[in-house]
Amino acid sequence: MQVSSYLKISVGVAVVTIALKTLAWWFTGSVGLLSDALESLVNLAGASFALAMVTLAAQPPDEEHPYGHHKAEYFSSGFEGVLILVAALAIVYAAVQRLLHPQQLEGLGAGVLLSVVSSVLNGVLAWAMLRKAREHRSMALEADARHLFTDVWTSAGVVGGLIAVHFTGWLWLDPVLAIGVALNIVREALSLLRRSADGLMDHALDPQDQARIDATLQRFRSPQVRFDHVATRRAGQRRFVDLHLHLPAEWPLGRAAAMRGDVERALMDAVPGLRASIQLLSSDVEAQDVMDEQRSVAS
């Protein structure tokens, strides 16, 4: 199943959970359940935007975007982070109002049951989405999955609080738990925003991928063949490596091109999906000389 298919399912599940949690709030009047329903509304908006960004990221390169649209996924996680912050503010406002004006809770049995059913749906979907996100290195899918996991823990806390209210009669527990939910949501939102900003910059590949690249290049190194100026970066699901391949100046062009092709294929086999850019240089040319020449041309 494709990444976009999981996000379509997420949109559908979000609609169902909104309905279930809204009914739970309607039956009980719990501000905790209201906060849970508001977070599910954020889930719907986040999943919808993530689906749009994943669809954009899958578009092929064009004249204005010769390297593709892969970084669009990071906008999705940033957008979802902002939505979560807005939901947290709404939850805090509602909780403070309930603290000032306590209200007796009713229909706790039905409300708790509906909340538990919605949490099970979110938990199963989040687990499947997180596995798929790691497989495809999709930031948008991972952000949506982690948000759903936050929703599951939020619901668990709210249900626990409602049970405590039922047995103790302490009505203030309900809004206090809602504020706790809001603080947990803020923590998740800040994490998503940080990762989104980090992803929009040219970040190096993971240490595991770096190690595979180093091991692959080591296989080709010899007294006549060396590599330098190796740099990696990732953009969404895409990974890139740029490097200099130094060969003897007396090698014919065909032999040098064949060596570059062998190195490129080996790198792509070692790190699936990798895009390698290899610049051929003679053994007597150092990387610093090339950089100095490029700066003089640019100036």
Protein backbone atom coordinates (compact mmCIF):
# COMPACT_ATOMS: atom_id res chain seq x y z
CA MET A 1 0.00 0.00 0.00
CA GLN A 2 1.30 3.45 -0.94
CA VAL A 3 1.94 6.31 1.51
CA SER A 4 -0.98 8.29 0.05
CA SER A 5 -3.33 5.35 0.67
CA TYR A 6 -2.48 5.36 4.38
CA LEU A 7 -3.18 9.09 4.55
CA LYS A 8 -6.55 8.60 2.83
CA ILE A 9 -7.39 6.00 5.46
CA SER A 10 -6.22 8.46 8.14
CA VAL A 11 -8.65 11.07 6.81
CA GLY A 12 -11.51 8.57 6.98
CA VAL A 13 -10.60 7.40 10.49
CA ALA A 14 -10.32 11.02 11.64
CA VAL A 15 -13.91 11.67 10.51
CA VAL A 16 -15.13 8.59 12.40
CA THR A 17 -13.22 9.47 15.60
CA ILE A 18 -14.50 13.05 15.52
CA ALA A 19 -18.05 11.72 15.43
CA LEU A 20 -17.40 9.24 18.26
CA LYS A 21 -15.65 11.72 20.54
CA THR A 22 -18.20 14.45 19.88
CA LEU A 23 -20.94 12.02 20.92
CA ALA A 24 -18.91 11.11 24.01
CA TRP A 25 -18.68 14.81 24.94
CA TRP A 26 -22.40 15.26 24.22
CA PHE A 27 -23.33 12.42 26.56
CA THR A 28 -21.04 13.47 29.43
CA GLY A 29 -20.43 17.22 29.13
CA SER A 30 -16.78 16.52 29.95
CA VAL A 31 -14.36 19.24 28.91
CA GLY A 32 -11.68 16.55 28.80
CA LEU A 33 -13.61 14.70 26.12
CA LEU A 34 -14.23 17.99 24.34
CA SER A 35 -10.48 18.60 24.23
CA ASP A 36 -10.03 15.08 22.85
CA ALA A 37 -12.57 15.80 20.11
CA LEU A 38 -10.81 19.06 19.22
CA GLU A 39 -7.53 17.20 18.80
CA SER A 40 -9.23 14.74 16.45
CA LEU A 41 -10.40 17.70 14.38
CA VAL A 42 -6.75 18.70 14.11
CA ASN A 43 -5.99 15.11 13.03
CA LEU A 44 -8.42 15.52 10.14
CA ALA A 45 -6.91 18.82 9.00
CA GLY A 46 -3.37 17.47 9.39
CA ALA A 47 -4.06 14.25 7.48
CA SER A 48 -5.76 16.18 4.67
CA PHE A 49 -2.83 18.58 4.31
CA ALA A 50 -0.33 15.70 4.55
CA LEU A 51 -2.14 13.93 1.71
CA ALA A 52 -1.91 17.05 -0.43
CA MET A 53 1.82 17.45 0.29
CA VAL A 54 2.62 13.78 -0.36
CA THR A 55 0.81 14.04 -3.68
CA LEU A 56 2.87 17.14 -4.53
CA ALA A 57 6.12 15.48 -3.41
CA ALA A 58 5.47 12.58 -5.79
CA GLN A 59 5.36 14.89 -8.83
CA PRO A 60 8.29 14.43 -11.24
CA PRO A 61 10.95 17.15 -11.66
CA ASP A 62 10.11 20.07 -13.95
CA GLU A 63 11.84 23.17 -15.28
CA GLU A 64 11.24 25.17 -12.09
CA HIS A 65 12.02 22.24 -9.77
CA PRO A 66 14.77 20.21 -11.48
CA TYR A 67 15.49 18.23 -8.27
CA GLY A 68 11.84 17.35 -7.69
CA HIS A 69 9.32 18.37 -5.02
CA HIS A 70 10.38 16.02 -2.21
CA LYS A 71 10.73 18.65 0.52
CA ALA A 72 7.01 19.40 0.32
CA GLU A 73 6.47 16.73 3.01
CA TYR A 74 8.25 18.89 5.57
CA PHE A 75 5.65 21.63 5.11
CA SER A 76 3.05 19.05 6.12
CA SER A 77 4.67 18.31 9.48
CA GLY A 78 5.16 22.03 10.13
CA PHE A 79 1.53 22.77 9.30
CA GLU A 80 0.36 19.98 11.59
CA GLY A 81 2.55 21.33 14.38
CA VAL A 82 0.91 24.76 14.09
CA LEU A 83 -2.55 23.18 14.11
CA ILE A 84 -1.71 21.25 17.27
CA LEU A 85 -0.62 24.46 19.02
CA VAL A 86 -3.91 26.14 18.09
CA ALA A 87 -5.85 23.14 19.42
CA ALA A 88 -3.89 23.28 22.68
CA LEU A 89 -4.84 26.93 23.20
CA ALA A 90 -8.51 26.11 22.59
CA ILE A 91 -8.34 23.24 25.09
CA VAL A 92 -6.75 25.44 27.78
CA TYR A 93 -9.44 28.10 27.29
CA ALA A 94 -12.25 25.56 27.64
CA ALA A 95 -10.61 23.97 30.68
CA VAL A 96 -10.18 27.28 32.50
CA GLN A 97 -13.84 28.11 31.89
CA ARG A 98 -14.85 24.76 33.39
CA LEU A 99 -12.61 25.34 36.42
CA LEU A 100 -14.38 28.63 37.01
CA HIS A 101 -17.80 27.10 36.42
CA PRO A 102 -17.81 23.40 37.49
CA GLN A 103 -20.42 21.14 35.91
CA GLN A 104 -21.69 17.72 36.93
CA LEU A 105 -20.77 14.93 34.51
CA GLU A 106 -23.38 12.47 33.23
CA GLY A 107 -23.48 9.43 30.99
CA LEU A 108 -19.89 8.49 31.77
CA GLY A 109 -20.33 4.85 30.73
CA ALA A 110 -21.35 5.65 27.16
CA GLY A 111 -18.80 8.45 26.87
CA VAL A 112 -15.91 6.27 28.07
CA LEU A 113 -16.91 3.44 25.71
CA LEU A 114 -17.03 5.72 22.66
CA SER A 115 -13.67 7.23 23.59
CA VAL A 116 -12.07 3.78 23.97
CA VAL A 117 -13.39 2.63 20.57
CA SER A 118 -11.98 5.72 18.84
CA SER A 119 -8.62 5.24 20.61
CA VAL A 120 -8.36 1.64 19.40
CA LEU A 121 -8.98 2.80 15.81
CA ASN A 122 -6.33 5.51 16.11
CA GLY A 123 -3.82 3.19 17.78
CA VAL A 124 -4.03 0.47 15.13
CA LEU A 125 -3.79 3.00 12.31
CA ALA A 126 -0.88 4.89 13.93
CA TRP A 127 1.13 1.68 14.38
CA ALA A 128 0.67 0.71 10.72
CA MET A 129 1.45 4.25 9.51
CA LEU A 130 4.65 4.52 11.56
CA ARG A 131 5.96 1.26 10.11
CA LYS A 132 5.19 2.47 6.59
CA ALA A 133 6.78 5.87 7.29
CA ARG A 134 10.05 4.23 8.38
CA GLU A 135 10.01 1.99 5.31
CA HIS A 136 9.54 4.90 2.89
CA ARG A 137 11.26 7.60 5.00
CA SER A 138 8.14 9.76 4.74
CA MET A 139 8.19 12.74 7.12
CA ALA A 140 4.53 13.57 6.41
CA LEU A 141 3.34 10.05 7.22
CA GLU A 142 5.53 9.86 10.33
CA ALA A 143 4.20 13.21 11.60
CA ASP A 144 0.61 12.05 11.15
CA ALA A 145 1.35 8.72 12.86
CA ARG A 146 3.01 10.37 15.85
CA HIS A 147 0.11 12.78 16.16
CA LEU A 148 -2.29 9.83 16.25
CA PHE A 149 -0.21 8.18 18.98
CA THR A 150 -0.43 11.44 20.95
CA ASP A 151 -4.19 11.30 20.48
CA VAL A 152 -4.28 7.75 21.85
CA TRP A 153 -2.37 8.71 25.01
CA THR A 154 -4.53 11.80 25.35
CA SER A 155 -7.69 9.69 25.24
CA ALA A 156 -6.24 7.25 27.77
CA GLY A 157 -5.54 10.11 30.17
CA VAL A 158 -9.02 11.59 29.71
CA VAL A 159 -10.72 8.23 30.27
CA GLY A 160 -8.64 7.64 33.39
CA GLY A 161 -9.61 11.07 34.66
CA LEU A 162 -13.31 10.47 34.05
CA ILE A 163 -13.15 7.22 35.96
CA ALA A 164 -11.42 9.05 38.82
CA VAL A 165 -14.12 11.75 38.78
CA HIS A 166 -16.80 9.06 38.95
CA PHE A 167 -15.32 7.44 42.05
CA THR A 168 -14.13 10.57 43.88
CA GLY A 169 -16.67 13.20 42.85
CA TRP A 170 -13.83 15.71 42.31
CA LEU A 171 -15.17 17.70 39.35
CA TRP A 172 -11.99 19.79 39.14
CA LEU A 173 -10.10 16.71 37.91
CA ASP A 174 -11.78 16.94 34.51
CA PRO A 175 -10.52 20.43 33.51
CA VAL A 176 -7.13 19.84 35.14
CA LEU A 177 -6.68 16.72 33.00
CA ALA A 178 -7.72 18.74 29.95
CA ILE A 179 -4.92 21.23 30.69
CA GLY A 180 -2.51 18.31 31.04
CA VAL A 181 -3.67 17.09 27.62
CA ALA A 182 -2.98 20.53 26.18
CA LEU A 183 0.57 20.60 27.60
CA ASN A 184 1.28 17.18 26.12
CA ILE A 185 -0.03 18.38 22.75
CA VAL A 186 2.25 21.44 22.90
CA ARG A 187 5.26 19.18 23.47
CA GLU A 188 4.40 17.11 20.40
CA ALA A 189 3.76 20.25 18.34
CA LEU A 190 7.14 21.75 19.18
CA SER A 191 8.83 18.48 18.25
CA LEU A 192 7.09 18.44 14.86
CA LEU A 193 7.99 22.07 14.17
CA ARG A 194 11.63 21.46 15.05
CA ARG A 195 11.87 18.41 12.79
CA SER A 196 10.10 20.23 9.99
CA ALA A 197 12.55 23.15 10.13
CA ASP A 198 15.47 20.74 10.34
CA GLY A 199 14.23 18.83 7.29
CA LEU A 200 13.94 21.96 5.14
CA MET A 201 17.69 22.44 5.54
CA ASP A 202 20.24 20.23 3.78
CA HIS A 203 20.80 17.63 6.48
CA ALA A 204 23.33 14.81 6.18
CA LEU A 205 22.19 11.21 5.80
CA ASP A 206 21.73 8.93 8.79
CA PRO A 207 24.92 7.36 10.26
CA GLN A 208 23.85 3.94 8.94
CA ASP A 209 23.64 5.23 5.37
CA GLN A 210 26.89 7.14 5.78
CA ALA A 211 28.60 3.93 6.90
CA ARG A 212 27.28 2.03 3.87
CA ILE A 213 28.60 4.74 1.55
CA ASP A 214 32.02 4.72 3.24
CA ALA A 215 32.22 0.91 3.05
CA THR A 216 31.29 0.94 -0.64
CA LEU A 217 33.92 3.55 -1.52
CA GLN A 218 36.52 1.61 0.46
CA ARG A 219 36.04 -1.36 -1.88
CA PHE A 220 37.20 0.77 -4.84
CA ARG A 221 40.11 2.56 -3.16
CA SER A 222 43.58 1.66 -4.39
CA PRO A 223 46.94 3.37 -5.01
CA GLN A 224 45.44 4.63 -8.29
CA VAL A 225 41.88 5.39 -7.14
CA ARG A 226 40.87 7.73 -4.33
CA PHE A 227 37.83 9.73 -3.24
CA ASP A 228 37.41 13.05 -1.45
CA HIS A 229 34.93 15.86 -0.92
CA VAL A 230 32.18 13.33 -0.05
CA ALA A 231 29.00 15.16 0.99
CA THR A 232 25.52 13.73 1.60
CA ARG A 233 22.09 15.28 2.03
CA ARG A 234 18.46 14.25 2.15
CA ALA A 235 15.30 15.88 0.84
CA GLY A 236 12.09 14.19 1.91
CA GLN A 237 12.33 10.55 0.81
CA ARG A 238 15.26 11.24 -1.54
CA ARG A 239 18.92 10.86 -0.60
CA PHE A 240 21.93 12.32 -2.40
CA VAL A 241 25.72 12.00 -2.32
CA ASP A 242 28.27 14.19 -4.11
CA LEU A 243 31.94 13.23 -4.34
CA HIS A 244 35.18 13.56 -6.29
CA LEU A 245 36.70 10.48 -7.92
CA HIS A 246 40.44 10.85 -8.58
CA LEU A 247 41.99 8.64 -11.30
CA PRO A 248 45.38 8.60 -13.08
CA ALA A 249 45.58 11.27 -15.77
CA GLU A 250 46.85 8.74 -18.32
CA TRP A 251 43.68 6.62 -18.11
CA PRO A 252 41.58 6.80 -21.31
CA LEU A 253 38.17 8.45 -21.01
CA GLY A 254 36.32 5.19 -21.56
CA ARG A 255 38.08 3.46 -18.68
CA ALA A 256 37.49 6.40 -16.36
CA ALA A 257 33.80 6.57 -17.29
CA ALA A 258 33.43 2.84 -16.70
CA MET A 259 34.96 3.20 -13.23
CA ARG A 260 32.59 6.04 -12.38
CA GLY A 261 29.63 3.91 -13.54
CA ASP A 262 30.74 1.00 -11.37
CA VAL A 263 31.05 3.23 -8.31
CA GLU A 264 27.66 4.83 -8.94
CA ARG A 265 25.89 1.47 -9.29
CA ALA A 266 27.57 0.13 -6.16
CA LEU A 267 26.47 3.15 -4.14
CA MET A 268 22.89 2.84 -5.35
CA ASP A 269 22.87 -0.88 -4.47
CA ALA A 270 24.24 -0.16 -0.99
CA VAL A 271 21.72 2.64 -0.29
CA PRO A 272 18.48 2.08 -2.25
CA GLY A 273 17.07 5.27 -3.74
CA LEU A 274 20.39 7.12 -3.49
CA ARG A 275 21.28 9.64 -6.20
CA ALA A 276 25.04 9.90 -6.74
CA SER A 277 26.86 12.80 -8.44
CA ILE A 278 30.49 11.88 -9.13
CA GLN A 279 32.99 14.37 -10.53
CA LEU A 280 36.01 12.86 -12.31
CA LEU A 281 39.41 14.42 -11.52
CA SER A 282 42.98 13.42 -12.19
CA SER A 283 45.06 12.15 -9.30
CA ASP A 284 47.27 15.26 -9.23
CA VAL A 285 44.29 17.62 -8.65
CA GLU A 286 43.26 18.28 -5.06
CA ALA A 287 39.74 19.14 -3.92
CA GLN A 288 40.85 22.55 -2.66
CA ASP A 289 42.21 23.44 -6.12
CA VAL A 290 38.82 22.68 -7.67
CA MET A 291 36.98 24.73 -5.04
CA ASP A 292 39.32 27.69 -5.57
CA GLU A 293 38.76 27.51 -9.31
CA GLN A 294 34.98 27.40 -8.88
CA ARG A 295 35.09 30.46 -6.62
CA SER A 296 37.16 32.42 -9.14
CA VAL A 297 34.72 31.57 -11.95
CA ALA A 298 31.74 32.56 -9.80
CA SER A 299 33.30 35.90 -8.89
